[in-house]
Amino acid sequence: MAIGTKELATSELDTFEDQRLVEELRKAKEELFNLRFQSATGQLESHGRIRAVKRDIARLYTVIRERELGIRATPAPVAAKAKKSKAKKAEETPAAEGEAE
């Protein structure tokens, strides 16, 4: 990625959940609006930032669409893994107590 936000590299986007992608897209669109407003009023200092934000938006749309089509895998929820591991520990504990008796 030559231009754009380092936080929104494709390798980083793969780890984001769908809700976070939508939130990042909303923030990027808001930033683009503000940059265009600054450009129209003559207050914009970095014109290259508009291009970078546009690319970030396109990258986000691409990842979202690839997930819809099943081309790109959606990451597994982290909270669900934690609950499963706690449930397994709870199941193992009574079994170990039953064997001791």
PDB file of N, CA and C in Angstrom:
ATOM      1  N   MET A   1       0.844  -1.168   0.000  1.00  0.00           N
ATOM      2  CA  MET A   1       0.000   0.000   0.000  1.00  0.00           C
ATOM      3  C   MET A   1       0.891   1.233   0.000  1.00  0.00           C
ATOM      4  N   ALA A   2       0.867   1.969  -1.063  1.00  0.00           N
ATOM      5  CA  ALA A   2       1.718   3.140  -1.188  1.00  0.00           C
ATOM      6  C   ALA A   2       1.176   4.332  -0.409  1.00  0.00           C
ATOM      7  N   ILE A   3      -0.110   4.603  -0.552  1.00  0.00           N
ATOM      8  CA  ILE A   3      -0.712   5.755   0.107  1.00  0.00           C
ATOM      9  C   ILE A   3      -1.908   5.275   0.907  1.00  0.00           C
ATOM     10  N   GLY A   4      -2.133   5.887   2.047  1.00  0.00           N
ATOM     11  CA  GLY A   4      -3.300   5.537   2.848  1.00  0.00           C
ATOM     12  C   GLY A   4      -2.954   5.470   4.311  1.00  0.00           C
ATOM     13  N   THR A   5      -3.892   5.073   5.069  1.00  0.00           N
ATOM     14  CA  THR A   5      -3.702   4.961   6.495  1.00  0.00           C
ATOM     15  C   THR A   5      -3.069   3.625   6.814  1.00  0.00           C
ATOM     16  N   LYS A   6      -2.042   3.631   7.629  1.00  0.00           N
ATOM     17  CA  LYS A   6      -1.363   2.386   7.977  1.00  0.00           C
ATOM     18  C   LYS A   6      -2.267   1.477   8.791  1.00  0.00           C
ATOM     19  N   GLU A   7      -3.209   2.059   9.532  1.00  0.00           N
ATOM     20  CA  GLU A   7      -4.144   1.268  10.324  1.00  0.00           C
ATOM     21  C   GLU A   7      -5.107   0.477   9.443  1.00  0.00           C
ATOM     22  N   LEU A   8      -5.314   0.937   8.226  1.00  0.00           N
ATOM     23  CA  LEU A   8      -6.285   0.292   7.349  1.00  0.00           C
ATOM     24  C   LEU A   8      -5.621  -0.519   6.240  1.00  0.00           C
ATOM     25  N   ALA A   9      -4.484  -1.117   6.532  1.00  0.00           N
ATOM     26  CA  ALA A   9      -3.845  -2.017   5.580  1.00  0.00           C
ATOM     27  C   ALA A   9      -4.710  -3.261   5.447  1.00  0.00           C
ATOM     28  N   THR A  10      -4.637  -3.928   4.313  1.00  0.00           N
ATOM     29  CA  THR A  10      -5.500  -5.094   4.093  1.00  0.00           C
ATOM     30  C   THR A  10      -5.245  -6.189   5.109  1.00  0.00           C
ATOM     31  N   SER A  11      -4.019  -6.331   5.572  1.00  0.00           N
ATOM     32  CA  SER A  11      -3.743  -7.340   6.588  1.00  0.00           C
ATOM     33  C   SER A  11      -4.442  -6.994   7.901  1.00  0.00           C
ATOM     34  N   GLU A  12      -4.555  -5.703   8.208  1.00  0.00           N
ATOM     35  CA  GLU A  12      -5.281  -5.274   9.405  1.00  0.00           C
ATOM     36  C   GLU A  12      -6.780  -5.436   9.223  1.00  0.00           C
ATOM     37  N   LEU A  13      -7.273  -5.145   8.033  1.00  0.00           N
ATOM     38  CA  LEU A  13      -8.716  -5.236   7.777  1.00  0.00           C
ATOM     39  C   LEU A  13      -9.221  -6.669   7.891  1.00  0.00           C
ATOM     40  N   ASP A  14      -8.357  -7.632   7.633  1.00  0.00           N
ATOM     41  CA  ASP A  14      -8.765  -9.034   7.742  1.00  0.00           C
ATOM     42  C   ASP A  14      -9.114  -9.413   9.173  1.00  0.00           C
ATOM     43  N   THR A  15      -8.541  -8.719  10.146  1.00  0.00           N
ATOM     44  CA  THR A  15      -8.796  -9.045  11.548  1.00  0.00           C
ATOM     45  C   THR A  15     -10.019  -8.326  12.101  1.00  0.00           C
ATOM     46  N   PHE A  16     -10.545  -7.329  11.381  1.00  0.00           N
ATOM     47  CA  PHE A  16     -11.695  -6.563  11.858  1.00  0.00           C
ATOM     48  C   PHE A  16     -12.979  -7.353  11.674  1.00  0.00           C
ATOM     49  N   GLU A  17     -13.908  -7.188  12.597  1.00  0.00           N
ATOM     50  CA  GLU A  17     -15.231  -7.773  12.447  1.00  0.00           C
ATOM     51  C   GLU A  17     -16.056  -6.868  11.534  1.00  0.00           C
ATOM     52  N   ASP A  18     -17.203  -7.361  11.073  1.00  0.00           N
ATOM     53  CA  ASP A  18     -18.026  -6.613  10.127  1.00  0.00           C
ATOM     54  C   ASP A  18     -18.474  -5.264  10.685  1.00  0.00           C
ATOM     55  N   GLN A  19     -18.868  -5.237  11.942  1.00  0.00           N
ATOM     56  CA  GLN A  19     -19.322  -3.986  12.550  1.00  0.00           C
ATOM     57  C   GLN A  19     -18.202  -2.952  12.584  1.00  0.00           C
ATOM     58  N   ARG A  20     -16.998  -3.396  12.868  1.00  0.00           N
ATOM     59  CA  ARG A  20     -15.874  -2.458  12.929  1.00  0.00           C
ATOM     60  C   ARG A  20     -15.537  -1.935  11.536  1.00  0.00           C
ATOM     61  N   LEU A  21     -15.680  -2.772  10.520  1.00  0.00           N
ATOM     62  CA  LEU A  21     -15.452  -2.309   9.148  1.00  0.00           C
ATOM     63  C   LEU A  21     -16.437  -1.210   8.782  1.00  0.00           C
ATOM     64  N   VAL A  22     -17.697  -1.404   9.139  1.00  0.00           N
ATOM     65  CA  VAL A  22     -18.723  -0.407   8.840  1.00  0.00           C
ATOM     66  C   VAL A  22     -18.422   0.887   9.591  1.00  0.00           C
ATOM     67  N   GLU A  23     -17.973   0.768  10.837  1.00  0.00           N
ATOM     68  CA  GLU A  23     -17.635   1.949  11.627  1.00  0.00           C
ATOM     69  C   GLU A  23     -16.436   2.685  11.025  1.00  0.00           C
ATOM     70  N   GLU A  24     -15.421   1.953  10.587  1.00  0.00           N
ATOM     71  CA  GLU A  24     -14.257   2.578   9.948  1.00  0.00           C
ATOM     72  C   GLU A  24     -14.666   3.264   8.646  1.00  0.00           C
ATOM     73  N   LEU A  25     -15.581   2.658   7.907  1.00  0.00           N
ATOM     74  CA  LEU A  25     -16.072   3.254   6.664  1.00  0.00           C
ATOM     75  C   LEU A  25     -16.790   4.563   6.961  1.00  0.00           C
ATOM     76  N   ARG A  26     -17.616   4.576   8.008  1.00  0.00           N
ATOM     77  CA  ARG A  26     -18.339   5.782   8.387  1.00  0.00           C
ATOM     78  C   ARG A  26     -17.358   6.902   8.766  1.00  0.00           C
ATOM     79  N   LYS A  27     -16.321   6.549   9.533  1.00  0.00           N
ATOM     80  CA  LYS A  27     -15.336   7.549   9.941  1.00  0.00           C
ATOM     81  C   LYS A  27     -14.560   8.079   8.739  1.00  0.00           C
ATOM     82  N   ALA A  28     -14.218   7.198   7.804  1.00  0.00           N
ATOM     83  CA  ALA A  28     -13.464   7.625   6.621  1.00  0.00           C
ATOM     84  C   ALA A  28     -14.309   8.550   5.738  1.00  0.00           C
ATOM     85  N   LYS A  29     -15.593   8.241   5.605  1.00  0.00           N
ATOM     86  CA  LYS A  29     -16.468   9.105   4.808  1.00  0.00           C
ATOM     87  C   LYS A  29     -16.628  10.472   5.470  1.00  0.00           C
ATOM     88  N   GLU A  30     -16.709  10.470   6.786  1.00  0.00           N
ATOM     89  CA  GLU A  30     -16.813  11.736   7.513  1.00  0.00           C
ATOM     90  C   GLU A  30     -15.544  12.557   7.332  1.00  0.00           C
ATOM     91  N   GLU A  31     -14.395  11.906   7.393  1.00  0.00           N
ATOM     92  CA  GLU A  31     -13.133  12.610   7.195  1.00  0.00           C
ATOM     93  C   GLU A  31     -13.031  13.169   5.779  1.00  0.00           C
ATOM     94  N   LEU A  32     -13.477  12.386   4.794  1.00  0.00           N
ATOM     95  CA  LEU A  32     -13.447  12.863   3.413  1.00  0.00           C
ATOM     96  C   LEU A  32     -14.333  14.094   3.241  1.00  0.00           C
ATOM     97  N   PHE A  33     -15.506  14.071   3.870  1.00  0.00           N
ATOM     98  CA  PHE A  33     -16.393  15.229   3.812  1.00  0.00           C
ATOM     99  C   PHE A  33     -15.705  16.462   4.389  1.00  0.00           C
ATOM    100  N   ASN A  34     -15.071  16.296   5.551  1.00  0.00           N
ATOM    101  CA  ASN A  34     -14.378  17.422   6.184  1.00  0.00           C
ATOM    102  C   ASN A  34     -13.217  17.924   5.336  1.00  0.00           C
ATOM    103  N   LEU A  35     -12.491  17.004   4.717  1.00  0.00           N
ATOM    104  CA  LEU A  35     -11.377  17.414   3.853  1.00  0.00           C
ATOM    105  C   LEU A  35     -11.871  18.172   2.625  1.00  0.00           C
ATOM    106  N   ARG A  36     -12.963  17.711   2.045  1.00  0.00           N
ATOM    107  CA  ARG A  36     -13.533  18.420   0.883  1.00  0.00           C
ATOM    108  C   ARG A  36     -14.025  19.805   1.287  1.00  0.00           C
ATOM    109  N   PHE A  37     -14.597  19.897   2.465  1.00  0.00           N
ATOM    110  CA  PHE A  37     -15.071  21.191   2.959  1.00  0.00           C
ATOM    111  C   PHE A  37     -13.886  22.133   3.156  1.00  0.00           C
ATOM    112  N   GLN A  38     -12.808  21.626   3.732  1.00  0.00           N
ATOM    113  CA  GLN A  38     -11.612  22.442   3.917  1.00  0.00           C
ATOM    114  C   GLN A  38     -11.029  22.872   2.578  1.00  0.00           C
ATOM    115  N   SER A  39     -11.076  21.973   1.601  1.00  0.00           N
ATOM    116  CA  SER A  39     -10.554  22.299   0.277  1.00  0.00           C
ATOM    117  C   SER A  39     -11.376  23.406  -0.378  1.00  0.00           C
ATOM    118  N   ALA A  40     -12.685  23.329  -0.224  1.00  0.00           N
ATOM    119  CA  ALA A  40     -13.563  24.328  -0.830  1.00  0.00           C
ATOM    120  C   ALA A  40     -13.387  25.699  -0.194  1.00  0.00           C
ATOM    121  N   THR A  41     -13.054  25.731   1.080  1.00  0.00           N
ATOM    122  CA  THR A  41     -12.889  27.009   1.775  1.00  0.00           C
ATOM    123  C   THR A  41     -11.443  27.497   1.765  1.00  0.00           C
ATOM    124  N   GLY A  42     -10.551  26.727   1.154  1.00  0.00           N
ATOM    125  CA  GLY A  42      -9.154  27.143   1.037  1.00  0.00           C
ATOM    126  C   GLY A  42      -8.331  26.903   2.285  1.00  0.00           C
ATOM    127  N   GLN A  43      -8.798  26.048   3.169  1.00  0.00           N
ATOM    128  CA  GLN A  43      -8.084  25.800   4.416  1.00  0.00           C
ATOM    129  C   GLN A  43      -7.296  24.496   4.408  1.00  0.00           C
ATOM    130  N   LEU A  44      -7.382  23.727   3.344  1.00  0.00           N
ATOM    131  CA  LEU A  44      -6.730  22.418   3.294  1.00  0.00           C
ATOM    132  C   LEU A  44      -5.230  22.585   3.074  1.00  0.00           C
ATOM    133  N   GLU A  45      -4.449  21.935   3.935  1.00  0.00           N
ATOM    134  CA  GLU A  45      -3.000  22.009   3.819  1.00  0.00           C
ATOM    135  C   GLU A  45      -2.425  20.810   3.083  1.00  0.00           C
ATOM    136  N   SER A  46      -3.014  19.633   3.269  1.00  0.00           N
ATOM    137  CA  SER A  46      -2.479  18.414   2.668  1.00  0.00           C
ATOM    138  C   SER A  46      -3.483  17.851   1.658  1.00  0.00           C
ATOM    139  N   HIS A  47      -3.261  18.145   0.392  1.00  0.00           N
ATOM    140  CA  HIS A  47      -4.174  17.682  -0.655  1.00  0.00           C
ATOM    141  C   HIS A  47      -4.050  16.182  -0.895  1.00  0.00           C
ATOM    142  N   GLY A  48      -2.912  15.619  -0.570  1.00  0.00           N
ATOM    143  CA  GLY A  48      -2.711  14.187  -0.738  1.00  0.00           C
ATOM    144  C   GLY A  48      -3.548  13.359   0.218  1.00  0.00           C
ATOM    145  N   ARG A  49      -3.970  13.971   1.298  1.00  0.00           N
ATOM    146  CA  ARG A  49      -4.786  13.248   2.289  1.00  0.00           C
ATOM    147  C   ARG A  49      -6.138  12.866   1.694  1.00  0.00           C
ATOM    148  N   ILE A  50      -6.689  13.687   0.801  1.00  0.00           N
ATOM    149  CA  ILE A  50      -7.969  13.361   0.158  1.00  0.00           C
ATOM    150  C   ILE A  50      -7.823  12.067  -0.623  1.00  0.00           C
ATOM    151  N   ARG A  51      -6.754  11.948  -1.359  1.00  0.00           N
ATOM    152  CA  ARG A  51      -6.507  10.752  -2.157  1.00  0.00           C
ATOM    153  C   ARG A  51      -6.351   9.518  -1.263  1.00  0.00           C
ATOM    154  N   ALA A  52      -5.637   9.687  -0.156  1.00  0.00           N
ATOM    155  CA  ALA A  52      -5.418   8.573   0.766  1.00  0.00           C
ATOM    156  C   ALA A  52      -6.736   8.105   1.382  1.00  0.00           C
ATOM    157  N   VAL A  53      -7.582   9.036   1.768  1.00  0.00           N
ATOM    158  CA  VAL A  53      -8.866   8.673   2.380  1.00  0.00           C
ATOM    159  C   VAL A  53      -9.779   8.003   1.351  1.00  0.00           C
ATOM    160  N   LYS A  54      -9.752   8.480   0.117  1.00  0.00           N
ATOM    161  CA  LYS A  54     -10.548   7.835  -0.936  1.00  0.00           C
ATOM    162  C   LYS A  54     -10.111   6.381  -1.134  1.00  0.00           C
ATOM    163  N   ARG A  55      -8.811   6.152  -1.083  1.00  0.00           N
ATOM    164  CA  ARG A  55      -8.306   4.785  -1.240  1.00  0.00           C
ATOM    165  C   ARG A  55      -8.696   3.910  -0.054  1.00  0.00           C
ATOM    166  N   ASP A  56      -8.681   4.490   1.141  1.00  0.00           N
ATOM    167  CA  ASP A  56      -9.115   3.747   2.325  1.00  0.00           C
ATOM    168  C   ASP A  56     -10.581   3.341   2.198  1.00  0.00           C
ATOM    169  N   ILE A  57     -11.410   4.265   1.721  1.00  0.00           N
ATOM    170  CA  ILE A  57     -12.834   3.966   1.533  1.00  0.00           C
ATOM    171  C   ILE A  57     -13.008   2.840   0.519  1.00  0.00           C
ATOM    172  N   ALA A  58     -12.279   2.912  -0.579  1.00  0.00           N
ATOM    173  CA  ALA A  58     -12.372   1.864  -1.599  1.00  0.00           C
ATOM    174  C   ALA A  58     -11.905   0.526  -1.044  1.00  0.00           C
ATOM    175  N   ARG A  59     -10.844   0.548  -0.247  1.00  0.00           N
ATOM    176  CA  ARG A  59     -10.327  -0.676   0.358  1.00  0.00           C
ATOM    177  C   ARG A  59     -11.358  -1.284   1.307  1.00  0.00           C
ATOM    178  N   LEU A  60     -12.019  -0.456   2.084  1.00  0.00           N
ATOM    179  CA  LEU A  60     -13.046  -0.941   3.010  1.00  0.00           C
ATOM    180  C   LEU A  60     -14.224  -1.541   2.251  1.00  0.00           C
ATOM    181  N   TYR A  61     -14.681  -0.848   1.207  1.00  0.00           N
ATOM    182  CA  TYR A  61     -15.773  -1.390   0.400  1.00  0.00           C
ATOM    183  C   TYR A  61     -15.390  -2.738  -0.223  1.00  0.00           C
ATOM    184  N   THR A  62     -14.148  -2.863  -0.659  1.00  0.00           N
ATOM    185  CA  THR A  62     -13.691  -4.108  -1.273  1.00  0.00           C
ATOM    186  C   THR A  62     -13.716  -5.257  -0.275  1.00  0.00           C
ATOM    187  N   VAL A  63     -13.218  -5.027   0.919  1.00  0.00           N
ATOM    188  CA  VAL A  63     -13.196  -6.086   1.935  1.00  0.00           C
ATOM    189  C   VAL A  63     -14.620  -6.487   2.319  1.00  0.00           C
ATOM    190  N   ILE A  64     -15.497  -5.498   2.490  1.00  0.00           N
ATOM    191  CA  ILE A  64     -16.891  -5.796   2.845  1.00  0.00           C
ATOM    192  C   ILE A  64     -17.548  -6.625   1.751  1.00  0.00           C
ATOM    193  N   ARG A  65     -17.349  -6.250   0.504  1.00  0.00           N
ATOM    194  CA  ARG A  65     -17.974  -6.975  -0.611  1.00  0.00           C
ATOM    195  C   ARG A  65     -17.383  -8.376  -0.757  1.00  0.00           C
ATOM    196  N   GLU A  66     -16.077  -8.519  -0.575  1.00  0.00           N
ATOM    197  CA  GLU A  66     -15.460  -9.843  -0.669  1.00  0.00           C
ATOM    198  C   GLU A  66     -15.998 -10.773   0.410  1.00  0.00           C
ATOM    199  N   ARG A  67     -16.270 -10.234   1.581  1.00  0.00           N
ATOM    200  CA  ARG A  67     -16.857 -11.063   2.640  1.00  0.00           C
ATOM    201  C   ARG A  67     -18.284 -11.466   2.291  1.00  0.00           C
ATOM    202  N   GLU A  68     -19.036 -10.566   1.672  1.00  0.00           N
ATOM    203  CA  GLU A  68     -20.398 -10.899   1.248  1.00  0.00           C
ATOM    204  C   GLU A  68     -20.392 -12.030   0.232  1.00  0.00           C
ATOM    205  N   LEU A  69     -19.423 -12.007  -0.667  1.00  0.00           N
ATOM    206  CA  LEU A  69     -19.340 -13.021  -1.719  1.00  0.00           C
ATOM    207  C   LEU A  69     -18.658 -14.302  -1.251  1.00  0.00           C
ATOM    208  N   GLY A  70     -18.053 -14.270  -0.082  1.00  0.00           N
ATOM    209  CA  GLY A  70     -17.370 -15.445   0.442  1.00  0.00           C
ATOM    210  C   GLY A  70     -15.948 -15.605  -0.062  1.00  0.00           C
ATOM    211  N   ILE A  71     -15.407 -14.580  -0.677  1.00  0.00           N
ATOM    212  CA  ILE A  71     -14.034 -14.628  -1.182  1.00  0.00           C
ATOM    213  C   ILE A  71     -13.044 -14.484  -0.032  1.00  0.00           C
ATOM    214  N   ARG A  72     -13.367 -13.597   0.893  1.00  0.00           N
ATOM    215  CA  ARG A  72     -12.508 -13.318   2.039  1.00  0.00           C
ATOM    216  C   ARG A  72     -13.200 -13.847   3.294  1.00  0.00           C
ATOM    217  N   ALA A  73     -12.468 -14.521   4.143  1.00  0.00           N
ATOM    218  CA  ALA A  73     -13.043 -15.124   5.345  1.00  0.00           C
ATOM    219  C   ALA A  73     -13.326 -14.065   6.407  1.00  0.00           C
ATOM    220  N   THR A  74     -14.435 -14.247   7.095  1.00  0.00           N
ATOM    221  CA  THR A  74     -14.779 -13.393   8.220  1.00  0.00           C
ATOM    222  C   THR A  74     -14.104 -13.948   9.461  1.00  0.00           C
ATOM    223  N   PRO A  75     -13.440 -13.096  10.260  1.00  0.00           N
ATOM    224  CA  PRO A  75     -12.760 -13.604  11.454  1.00  0.00           C
ATOM    225  C   PRO A  75     -13.749 -14.147  12.472  1.00  0.00           C
ATOM    226  N   ALA A  76     -13.335 -15.166  13.189  1.00  0.00           N
ATOM    227  CA  ALA A  76     -14.182 -15.753  14.224  1.00  0.00           C
ATOM    228  C   ALA A  76     -14.254 -14.786  15.405  1.00  0.00           C
ATOM    229  N   PRO A  77     -15.427 -14.654  16.015  1.00  0.00           N
ATOM    230  CA  PRO A  77     -15.545 -13.747  17.156  1.00  0.00           C
ATOM    231  C   PRO A  77     -14.664 -14.197  18.319  1.00  0.00           C
ATOM    232  N   VAL A  78     -13.964 -13.273  18.922  1.00  0.00           N
ATOM    233  CA  VAL A  78     -13.039 -13.575  20.008  1.00  0.00           C
ATOM    234  C   VAL A  78     -13.808 -13.935  21.277  1.00  0.00           C
ATOM    235  N   ALA A  79     -14.904 -13.269  21.555  1.00  0.00           N
ATOM    236  CA  ALA A  79     -15.671 -13.500  22.772  1.00  0.00           C
ATOM    237  C   ALA A  79     -16.240 -14.920  22.802  1.00  0.00           C
ATOM    238  N   ALA A  80     -16.656 -15.433  21.663  1.00  0.00           N
ATOM    239  CA  ALA A  80     -17.217 -16.782  21.598  1.00  0.00           C
ATOM    240  C   ALA A  80     -16.155 -17.820  21.953  1.00  0.00           C
ATOM    241  N   LYS A  81     -14.928 -17.609  21.546  1.00  0.00           N
ATOM    242  CA  LYS A  81     -13.849 -18.543  21.871  1.00  0.00           C
ATOM    243  C   LYS A  81     -13.607 -18.565  23.372  1.00  0.00           C
ATOM    244  N   ALA A  82     -13.630 -17.395  23.990  1.00  0.00           N
ATOM    245  CA  ALA A  82     -13.395 -17.308  25.428  1.00  0.00           C
ATOM    246  C   ALA A  82     -14.498 -18.030  26.197  1.00  0.00           C
ATOM    247  N   LYS A  83     -15.745 -17.889  25.761  1.00  0.00           N
ATOM    248  CA  LYS A  83     -16.856 -18.557  26.432  1.00  0.00           C
ATOM    249  C   LYS A  83     -16.743 -20.065  26.310  1.00  0.00           C
ATOM    250  N   LYS A  84     -16.326 -20.535  25.140  1.00  0.00           N
ATOM    251  CA  LYS A  84     -16.190 -21.977  24.928  1.00  0.00           C
ATOM    252  C   LYS A  84     -15.106 -22.551  25.835  1.00  0.00           C
ATOM    253  N   SER A  85     -13.997 -21.843  25.971  1.00  0.00           N
ATOM    254  CA  SER A  85     -12.915 -22.363  26.805  1.00  0.00           C
ATOM    255  C   SER A  85     -13.331 -22.401  28.275  1.00  0.00           C
ATOM    256  N   LYS A  86     -14.120 -21.408  28.716  1.00  0.00           N
ATOM    257  CA  LYS A  86     -14.619 -21.416  30.085  1.00  0.00           C
ATOM    258  C   LYS A  86     -15.599 -22.569  30.284  1.00  0.00           C
ATOM    259  N   ALA A  87     -16.430 -22.843  29.279  1.00  0.00           N
ATOM    260  CA  ALA A  87     -17.398 -23.927  29.372  1.00  0.00           C
ATOM    261  C   ALA A  87     -16.678 -25.279  29.453  1.00  0.00           C
ATOM    262  N   LYS A  88     -15.607 -25.431  28.703  1.00  0.00           N
ATOM    263  CA  LYS A  88     -14.849 -26.685  28.735  1.00  0.00           C
ATOM    264  C   LYS A  88     -14.217 -26.901  30.106  1.00  0.00           C
ATOM    265  N   LYS A  89     -13.679 -25.812  30.688  1.00  0.00           N
ATOM    266  CA  LYS A  89     -13.074 -25.926  32.013  1.00  0.00           C
ATOM    267  C   LYS A  89     -14.130 -26.315  33.044  1.00  0.00           C
ATOM    268  N   ALA A  90     -15.334 -25.784  32.916  1.00  0.00           N
ATOM    269  CA  ALA A  90     -16.411 -26.095  33.854  1.00  0.00           C
ATOM    270  C   ALA A  90     -16.832 -27.557  33.714  1.00  0.00           C
ATOM    271  N   GLU A  91     -16.812 -28.068  32.493  1.00  0.00           N
ATOM    272  CA  GLU A  91     -17.171 -29.475  32.270  1.00  0.00           C
ATOM    273  C   GLU A  91     -16.103 -30.408  32.824  1.00  0.00           C
ATOM    274  N   GLU A  92     -14.840 -30.029  32.723  1.00  0.00           N
ATOM    275  CA  GLU A  92     -13.744 -30.878  33.183  1.00  0.00           C
ATOM    276  C   GLU A  92     -13.691 -30.949  34.708  1.00  0.00           C
ATOM    277  N   THR A  93     -14.031 -29.884  35.366  1.00  0.00           N
ATOM    278  CA  THR A  93     -13.937 -29.832  36.827  1.00  0.00           C
ATOM    279  C   THR A  93     -14.857 -30.851  37.505  1.00  0.00           C
ATOM    280  N   PRO A  94     -16.155 -30.946  37.187  1.00  0.00           N
ATOM    281  CA  PRO A  94     -17.009 -31.946  37.833  1.00  0.00           C
ATOM    282  C   PRO A  94     -16.571 -33.378  37.503  1.00  0.00           C
ATOM    283  N   ALA A  95     -16.078 -33.602  36.301  1.00  0.00           N
ATOM    284  CA  ALA A  95     -15.646 -34.944  35.929  1.00  0.00           C
ATOM    285  C   ALA A  95     -14.460 -35.376  36.789  1.00  0.00           C
ATOM    286  N   ALA A  96     -13.561 -34.472  37.045  1.00  0.00           N
ATOM    287  CA  ALA A  96     -12.386 -34.800  37.852  1.00  0.00           C
ATOM    288  C   ALA A  96     -12.801 -35.060  39.309  1.00  0.00           C
ATOM    289  N   GLU A  97     -13.798 -34.329  39.806  1.00  0.00           N
ATOM    290  CA  GLU A  97     -14.273 -34.540  41.169  1.00  0.00           C
ATOM    291  C   GLU A  97     -14.992 -35.877  41.283  1.00  0.00           C
ATOM    292  N   GLY A  98     -15.722 -36.267  40.255  1.00  0.00           N
ATOM    293  CA  GLY A  98     -16.453 -37.539  40.254  1.00  0.00           C
ATOM    294  C   GLY A  98     -15.505 -38.719  40.277  1.00  0.00           C
ATOM    295  N   GLU A  99     -14.376 -38.616  39.615  1.00  0.00           N
ATOM    296  CA  GLU A  99     -13.412 -39.713  39.587  1.00  0.00           C
ATOM    297  C   GLU A  99     -12.712 -39.865  40.928  1.00  0.00           C
ATOM    298  N   ALA A 100     -12.536 -38.756  41.640  1.00  0.00           N
ATOM    299  CA  ALA A 100     -11.839 -38.787  42.920  1.00  0.00           C
ATOM    300  C   ALA A 100     -12.676 -39.497  43.978  1.00  0.00           C
ATOM    301  N   GLU A 101     -13.983 -39.504  43.870  1.00  0.00           N
ATOM    302  CA  GLU A 101     -14.851 -40.119  44.870  1.00  0.00           C
ATOM    303  C   GLU A 101     -14.880 -41.586  44.784  1.00  0.00           C
TER     304      GLU A 101
END
